[in-house]
Protein backbone atom coordinates (compact mmCIF):
# COMPACT_ATOMS: atom_id res chain seq x y z
CA UNK A 1 27.40 45.58 -66.51
CA UNK A 2 25.62 42.23 -67.09
CA UNK A 3 22.81 42.31 -64.52
CA UNK A 4 21.95 38.66 -65.26
CA UNK A 5 25.38 37.46 -64.35
CA UNK A 6 26.08 39.93 -61.51
CA UNK A 7 25.14 37.79 -58.58
CA UNK A 8 26.82 36.76 -55.34
CA UNK A 9 25.89 33.24 -56.38
CA UNK A 10 28.75 33.25 -58.81
CA UNK A 11 31.13 32.94 -55.80
CA UNK A 12 29.57 29.61 -54.80
CA UNK A 13 32.25 27.27 -56.36
CA UNK A 14 34.96 28.89 -54.23
CA UNK A 15 32.74 28.62 -51.19
CA UNK A 16 32.12 24.91 -51.83
CA UNK A 17 35.82 24.21 -51.90
CA UNK A 18 36.18 25.57 -48.42
CA UNK A 19 33.21 23.52 -47.14
CA UNK A 20 34.13 20.20 -48.67
CA UNK A 21 36.32 18.96 -45.70
CA UNK A 22 33.46 19.85 -43.28
CA UNK A 23 30.98 18.00 -45.44
CA UNK A 24 33.14 14.96 -45.39
CA UNK A 25 33.38 15.13 -41.62
CA UNK A 26 29.58 15.44 -41.18
CA UNK A 27 29.03 12.40 -43.43
CA UNK A 28 31.49 10.44 -41.27
CA UNK A 29 29.35 11.35 -38.28
CA UNK A 30 26.21 9.91 -39.99
CA UNK A 31 24.72 13.34 -40.64
CA UNK A 32 22.45 13.66 -43.65
CA UNK A 33 21.84 16.43 -46.17
CA UNK A 34 18.12 16.56 -45.21
CA UNK A 35 19.01 17.07 -41.59
CA UNK A 36 21.24 19.99 -42.55
CA UNK A 37 18.49 21.50 -44.59
CA UNK A 38 15.94 21.14 -41.73
CA UNK A 39 18.37 22.69 -39.19
CA UNK A 40 18.94 25.63 -41.51
CA UNK A 41 15.27 26.19 -41.88
CA UNK A 42 14.69 25.96 -38.12
CA UNK A 43 17.47 28.48 -37.41
CA UNK A 44 15.95 31.03 -39.86
CA UNK A 45 12.41 30.62 -38.58
CA UNK A 46 13.53 30.92 -34.91
CA UNK A 47 15.65 34.02 -35.69
CA UNK A 48 12.76 35.69 -37.65
CA UNK A 49 10.25 35.07 -34.94
CA UNK A 50 12.69 36.37 -32.27
CA UNK A 51 13.41 39.58 -34.16
CA UNK A 52 9.73 40.19 -35.23
CA UNK A 53 8.62 39.88 -31.64
CA UNK A 54 7.16 43.08 -30.34
CA UNK A 55 9.47 44.80 -27.94
CA UNK A 56 12.67 43.10 -29.11
CA UNK A 57 15.52 45.71 -28.93
CA UNK A 58 16.72 46.89 -32.37
CA UNK A 59 20.26 46.01 -31.46
CA UNK A 60 19.29 42.35 -31.93
CA UNK A 61 19.24 42.95 -35.70
CA UNK A 62 23.00 42.64 -35.50
CA UNK A 63 22.63 38.86 -35.30
CA UNK A 64 20.96 38.74 -38.74
CA UNK A 65 24.08 39.02 -40.89
CA UNK A 66 25.58 36.03 -38.91
CA UNK A 67 22.37 33.99 -39.45
CA UNK A 68 22.30 34.87 -43.17
CA UNK A 69 25.98 33.74 -43.54
CA UNK A 70 25.41 30.52 -41.59
CA UNK A 71 22.28 29.80 -43.65
CA UNK A 72 24.15 30.29 -46.95
CA UNK A 73 26.82 27.93 -45.63
CA UNK A 74 24.34 25.32 -44.61
CA UNK A 75 22.50 25.63 -47.88
CA UNK A 76 25.76 25.00 -49.75
CA UNK A 77 26.70 22.21 -47.43
CA UNK A 78 23.48 20.23 -47.87
CA UNK A 79 23.82 20.32 -51.62
CA UNK A 80 27.43 19.25 -51.43
CA UNK A 81 26.49 16.40 -49.17
CA UNK A 82 23.71 15.29 -51.46
CA UNK A 83 25.73 15.46 -54.73
CA UNK A 84 29.05 14.21 -53.66
CA UNK A 85 28.14 11.69 -50.95
CA UNK A 86 25.11 10.12 -52.69
CA UNK A 87 22.49 11.54 -50.38
CA UNK A 88 20.05 12.91 -53.04
CA UNK A 89 16.48 12.05 -52.32
CA UNK A 90 13.13 13.20 -53.67
CA UNK A 91 12.20 14.42 -50.16
CA UNK A 92 15.41 16.49 -50.13
CA UNK A 93 14.37 18.25 -53.39
CA UNK A 94 11.14 19.35 -51.72
CA UNK A 95 12.87 20.33 -48.53
CA UNK A 96 15.48 22.46 -50.35
CA UNK A 97 12.87 24.53 -52.20
CA UNK A 98 10.37 24.86 -49.40
CA UNK A 99 13.04 25.66 -46.78
CA UNK A 100 14.40 28.37 -49.03
CA UNK A 101 11.20 30.31 -49.38
CA UNK A 102 10.23 29.88 -45.71
CA UNK A 103 13.72 30.96 -44.53
CA UNK A 104 13.66 33.99 -46.73
CA UNK A 105 10.19 35.07 -45.53
CA UNK A 106 11.17 34.71 -41.81
CA UNK A 107 14.56 36.44 -42.18
CA UNK A 108 13.02 39.38 -44.02
CA UNK A 109 9.92 39.62 -41.88
CA UNK A 110 11.58 41.50 -38.92
CA UNK A 111 12.07 44.53 -41.16
CA UNK A 112 8.27 44.98 -41.30
CA UNK A 113 8.45 45.69 -37.56
CA UNK A 114 10.77 48.64 -38.01
CA UNK A 115 8.42 51.69 -37.53
CA UNK A 116 10.19 53.75 -40.19
CA UNK A 117 9.67 51.04 -42.91
CA UNK A 118 6.24 50.55 -44.60
CA UNK A 119 5.45 46.83 -43.94
CA UNK A 120 3.63 46.72 -47.26
CA UNK A 121 6.95 47.08 -49.05
CA UNK A 122 8.48 44.22 -46.96
CA UNK A 123 5.44 42.07 -47.70
CA UNK A 124 5.95 42.79 -51.41
CA UNK A 125 9.62 41.79 -51.20
CA UNK A 126 8.69 38.55 -49.51
CA UNK A 127 6.14 37.75 -52.19
CA UNK A 128 8.53 38.51 -55.09
CA UNK A 129 11.30 36.57 -53.42
CA UNK A 130 8.99 33.53 -53.22
CA UNK A 131 7.99 33.92 -56.88
CA UNK A 132 11.68 34.21 -57.92
CA UNK A 133 12.59 30.97 -56.17
CA UNK A 134 9.57 29.20 -57.68
CA UNK A 135 10.65 30.50 -61.09
CA UNK A 136 14.12 29.10 -60.58
CA UNK A 137 12.82 25.72 -59.56
CA UNK A 138 10.49 25.57 -62.61
CA UNK A 139 13.61 25.42 -64.89
CA UNK A 140 13.75 21.71 -63.89
CA UNK A 141 10.12 21.24 -64.58
CA UNK A 142 10.54 22.30 -68.21
CA UNK A 143 13.52 20.05 -68.78
CA UNK A 144 16.38 22.39 -67.90
CA UNK A 145 18.49 23.11 -64.79
CA UNK A 146 17.50 24.93 -61.57
CA UNK A 147 17.99 28.65 -62.44
CA UNK A 148 20.08 30.86 -60.19
CA UNK A 149 20.22 33.97 -62.43
CA UNK A 150 20.61 37.37 -60.76
CA UNK A 151 20.73 40.22 -60.05
CA UNK A 152 18.78 39.74 -56.85
CA UNK A 153 18.82 36.02 -56.00
CA UNK A 154 18.89 34.47 -52.50
CA UNK A 155 22.53 35.26 -51.83
CA UNK A 156 22.24 38.88 -53.04
CA UNK A 157 19.17 39.43 -50.82
CA UNK A 158 21.14 38.09 -47.89
CA UNK A 159 23.89 40.68 -48.51
CA UNK A 160 21.49 43.64 -48.90
CA UNK A 161 19.45 42.85 -45.81
CA UNK A 162 22.56 42.02 -43.85
CA UNK A 163 23.94 45.56 -44.56
CA UNK A 164 20.57 47.09 -43.60
CA UNK A 165 20.38 45.01 -40.46
CA UNK A 166 23.83 46.19 -39.33
CA UNK A 167 22.82 49.78 -40.04
CA UNK A 168 19.57 49.50 -38.00
CA UNK A 169 21.17 47.43 -35.29
CA UNK A 170 23.85 49.94 -34.73
CA UNK A 171 21.24 52.62 -34.08
CA UNK A 172 21.85 54.52 -37.22
CA UNK A 173 19.03 56.46 -38.84
CA UNK A 174 17.98 56.22 -42.48
CA UNK A 175 16.28 59.19 -44.32
CA UNK A 176 12.56 58.44 -44.90
CA UNK A 177 13.00 58.74 -48.64
CA UNK A 178 15.74 56.12 -48.61
CA UNK A 179 13.55 53.80 -46.50
CA UNK A 180 11.08 53.88 -49.34
CA UNK A 181 13.59 53.65 -52.16
CA UNK A 182 15.57 50.70 -50.69
CA UNK A 183 12.67 48.10 -50.68
CA UNK A 184 11.43 49.54 -53.99
CA UNK A 185 14.80 49.01 -55.61
CA UNK A 186 15.00 45.50 -54.12
CA UNK A 187 11.61 44.69 -55.56
CA UNK A 188 12.58 45.96 -59.01
CA UNK A 189 15.76 43.92 -59.00
CA UNK A 190 13.87 40.71 -57.87
CA UNK A 191 11.33 41.33 -60.68
CA UNK A 192 14.26 41.57 -63.11
CA UNK A 193 15.60 38.36 -61.56
CA UNK A 194 12.31 36.57 -62.30
CA UNK A 195 12.44 37.75 -65.93
CA UNK A 196 16.05 36.56 -66.26
CA UNK A 197 15.27 33.11 -64.85
CA UNK A 198 12.37 32.69 -67.17
CA UNK A 199 14.43 33.86 -70.13
CA UNK A 200 17.42 31.73 -69.12
CA UNK A 201 15.25 28.62 -68.60
CA UNK A 202 13.56 29.03 -72.07
CA UNK A 203 16.83 29.61 -73.74
CA UNK A 204 18.44 26.54 -72.11
CA UNK A 205 15.63 24.16 -73.03
CA UNK A 206 15.38 25.57 -76.55
CA UNK A 207 18.99 24.62 -77.10
CA UNK A 208 18.42 21.01 -75.85
């Protein structure tokens, strides 16, 4: 199995085809790609704050998969609007990257409030996720493309944490050993993702 290619991100072209009519409608309503980016970021920050709030019932974790899915849709939508409807801006490039790392951090943060999970592991995942997105963005800085190599990119993290959120939100218990192994495995896969993005970026620019 090719861990570099095995990423949920590979499904994006099919997803974009479904979103294209909605993107066209938003543009006809004078919506902008940057506005969609900011809305997605605000949604993620608000959700993260709500779920990380002390005393929030664990059942609220069940909204996380929905928010992860909506966020992925909005992220794809703003890129589609920017590319196909001539809304690309320098500000938009900054907003896309910054909103991604901030959204990731706030959507993963609530898991640090789960008593059975060591918050240090969640902090580590957030840091590694931020580094992986920065590594992907640096592909452009060295003259290549924005790197989305897996195996634990943004979309993959969304799937993993959505499954964990459903499990916790449904009141299921997880063996203590698994609660250590899950974030550990995620961290290892993100570290591999960082290596793949560096390697992919260097290989791409070497061939130019």
